[in-house]
Amino acid sequence: MAGVNGFAALIPLLMLFPLAATIRQSWPGAERCGGRISNIISGPGWLVPLIFIVPMCIGLMMAGRLSPLPQHTYAVMTQSHGPATGLALALAVVTAELWLMLAPAMIVLRFADPARRAAMRGLIPLNLFLGLVFLAIILLVWN
């Protein structure tokens, strides 16, 4: 049984890498951050698991099985599945919410033509507004 607990403790650590990659891809000026350790911790390869993590979290939120509030997710999952699972899912919720509210607009601005960036500044408030409305609807309907 100790092997299962040891492996479960690694899952929250592994969830930090996609979160770090999300922050790095959406942080202004992050393209200058290109060291070897930085690429290991937050390289674009860590975005691949998000193909599964983000839709899973959003689907579970819409079904009412996962709270959009990370602290609530942690508390509920810790009670039923242990602290490692609770922490891993709380980190997954934070990552999914970043992708709902901020990351798409920031990435578009990061890779946009510099001459057109000023015209796209409205993307950030629009992305934030739409993400917050979506999460508020989930909170109102299921909680």
Protein backbone atom coordinates (compact mmCIF):
# COMPACT_ATOMS: atom_id res chain seq x y z
CA MET A 1 0.00 0.00 0.00
CA ALA A 2 2.96 2.34 0.56
CA GLY A 3 3.74 2.28 -3.18
CA VAL A 4 0.27 3.54 -4.04
CA ASN A 5 0.52 6.37 -1.52
CA GLY A 6 3.99 7.28 -2.79
CA PHE A 7 2.80 7.46 -6.39
CA ALA A 8 -0.32 9.43 -5.41
CA ALA A 9 1.90 12.03 -3.76
CA LEU A 10 3.60 12.66 -7.13
CA ILE A 11 0.37 13.56 -8.92
CA PRO A 12 0.08 17.08 -7.42
CA LEU A 13 3.74 17.68 -8.30
CA LEU A 14 3.06 16.62 -11.88
CA MET A 15 0.04 18.98 -11.99
CA LEU A 16 2.35 21.91 -11.24
CA PHE A 17 4.13 21.55 -14.59
CA PRO A 18 1.06 22.19 -16.83
CA LEU A 19 0.14 25.08 -14.52
CA ALA A 20 3.66 26.52 -14.88
CA ALA A 21 3.50 26.07 -18.67
CA THR A 22 0.13 27.86 -18.77
CA ILE A 23 1.49 30.76 -16.76
CA ARG A 24 4.63 30.93 -18.89
CA GLN A 25 2.70 30.93 -22.17
CA SER A 26 0.30 33.62 -21.01
CA TRP A 27 2.68 35.86 -19.06
CA PRO A 28 3.76 38.99 -20.93
CA GLY A 29 7.47 38.92 -21.71
CA ALA A 30 7.81 35.20 -21.02
CA GLU A 31 9.33 34.60 -24.45
CA ARG A 32 12.60 35.94 -23.04
CA CYS A 33 12.61 33.20 -20.40
CA GLY A 34 14.44 30.42 -22.17
CA GLY A 35 16.86 28.77 -19.79
CA ARG A 36 17.36 25.03 -19.56
CA ILE A 37 15.61 24.64 -16.19
CA SER A 38 12.81 26.96 -17.26
CA ASN A 39 12.21 24.82 -20.34
CA ILE A 40 12.10 21.65 -18.24
CA ILE A 41 9.67 23.08 -15.69
CA SER A 42 7.42 25.13 -17.94
CA GLY A 43 8.16 24.19 -21.52
CA PRO A 44 5.40 24.01 -24.12
CA GLY A 45 5.42 20.20 -23.95
CA TRP A 46 3.66 20.45 -20.60
CA LEU A 47 0.64 21.96 -22.39
CA VAL A 48 -0.16 18.58 -23.99
CA PRO A 49 -1.82 17.11 -20.85
CA LEU A 50 -4.15 20.11 -20.90
CA ILE A 51 -5.91 18.51 -23.87
CA PHE A 52 -7.39 16.14 -21.28
CA ILE A 53 -7.26 18.16 -18.06
CA VAL A 54 -9.17 21.29 -19.13
CA PRO A 55 -12.15 19.56 -20.83
CA MET A 56 -12.34 17.05 -17.96
CA CYS A 57 -12.49 19.80 -15.34
CA ILE A 58 -15.01 21.86 -17.28
CA GLY A 59 -17.19 18.81 -17.91
CA LEU A 60 -17.09 17.78 -14.24
CA MET A 61 -17.91 21.37 -13.24
CA MET A 62 -20.88 21.43 -15.63
CA ALA A 63 -22.09 18.08 -14.30
CA GLY A 64 -21.89 19.38 -10.73
CA ARG A 65 -19.28 16.82 -9.68
CA LEU A 66 -16.44 19.32 -9.26
CA SER A 67 -16.60 22.80 -7.79
CA PRO A 68 -15.13 25.77 -9.66
CA LEU A 69 -13.79 26.91 -6.30
CA PRO A 70 -10.35 25.29 -5.84
CA GLN A 71 -10.54 25.35 -2.05
CA HIS A 72 -13.93 23.59 -2.12
CA THR A 73 -12.62 21.02 -4.60
CA TYR A 74 -9.63 20.39 -2.34
CA ALA A 75 -11.81 19.95 0.78
CA VAL A 76 -14.31 17.59 -0.86
CA MET A 77 -11.73 15.48 -2.68
CA THR A 78 -9.47 15.27 0.38
CA GLN A 79 -12.32 13.81 2.40
CA SER A 80 -13.21 11.17 -0.16
CA HIS A 81 -9.90 10.41 -1.92
CA GLY A 82 -7.06 11.78 0.21
CA PRO A 83 -4.95 14.94 0.27
CA ALA A 84 -2.86 14.15 -2.83
CA THR A 85 -5.95 13.77 -5.00
CA GLY A 86 -7.50 16.86 -3.45
CA LEU A 87 -4.44 18.96 -4.18
CA ALA A 88 -4.07 17.57 -7.72
CA LEU A 89 -7.68 18.36 -8.58
CA ALA A 90 -7.48 21.82 -7.00
CA LEU A 91 -4.45 22.55 -9.21
CA ALA A 92 -6.35 21.17 -12.22
CA VAL A 93 -9.26 23.51 -11.44
CA VAL A 94 -6.92 26.51 -11.20
CA THR A 95 -5.32 25.57 -14.53
CA ALA A 96 -8.70 25.08 -16.23
CA GLU A 97 -9.92 28.43 -14.92
CA LEU A 98 -6.83 30.18 -16.24
CA TRP A 99 -7.65 28.72 -19.65
CA LEU A 100 -11.26 29.87 -19.32
CA MET A 101 -10.54 33.40 -18.16
CA LEU A 102 -7.15 34.62 -19.31
CA ALA A 103 -4.74 32.39 -21.20
CA PRO A 104 -6.36 32.42 -24.68
CA ALA A 105 -6.38 36.22 -24.94
CA MET A 106 -2.86 36.53 -23.54
CA ILE A 107 -1.50 33.95 -25.97
CA VAL A 108 -3.19 35.65 -28.93
CA LEU A 109 -1.64 38.95 -27.87
CA ARG A 110 1.75 37.35 -27.35
CA PHE A 111 1.92 35.90 -30.86
CA ALA A 112 0.07 38.70 -32.66
CA ASP A 113 1.76 41.09 -35.03
CA PRO A 114 3.14 43.96 -32.91
CA ALA A 115 1.39 46.50 -35.14
CA ARG A 116 -2.00 44.92 -34.39
CA ARG A 117 -1.54 44.32 -30.65
CA ALA A 118 -2.98 47.68 -29.66
CA ALA A 119 -6.20 46.93 -31.52
CA MET A 120 -6.53 43.59 -29.71
CA ARG A 121 -6.28 44.91 -26.14
CA GLY A 122 -10.03 44.38 -25.76
CA LEU A 123 -9.50 40.62 -25.91
CA ILE A 124 -8.32 40.44 -22.31
CA PRO A 125 -11.42 42.01 -20.71
CA LEU A 126 -13.66 40.07 -23.10
CA ASN A 127 -11.96 36.76 -22.25
CA LEU A 128 -12.10 37.57 -18.54
CA PHE A 129 -15.78 38.56 -18.73
CA LEU A 130 -16.86 35.48 -20.68
CA GLY A 131 -14.89 33.13 -18.40
CA LEU A 132 -16.31 34.70 -15.26
CA VAL A 133 -19.86 34.57 -16.62
CA PHE A 134 -19.42 30.88 -17.44
CA LEU A 135 -18.07 30.11 -13.95
CA ALA A 136 -20.81 32.20 -12.30
CA ILE A 137 -23.47 30.25 -14.17
CA ILE A 138 -21.91 26.99 -13.02
CA LEU A 139 -21.79 28.24 -9.42
CA LEU A 140 -25.39 29.44 -9.50
CA VAL A 141 -26.78 26.30 -11.09
CA TRP A 142 -24.92 23.61 -9.20
CA ASN A 143 -23.97 25.09 -5.84
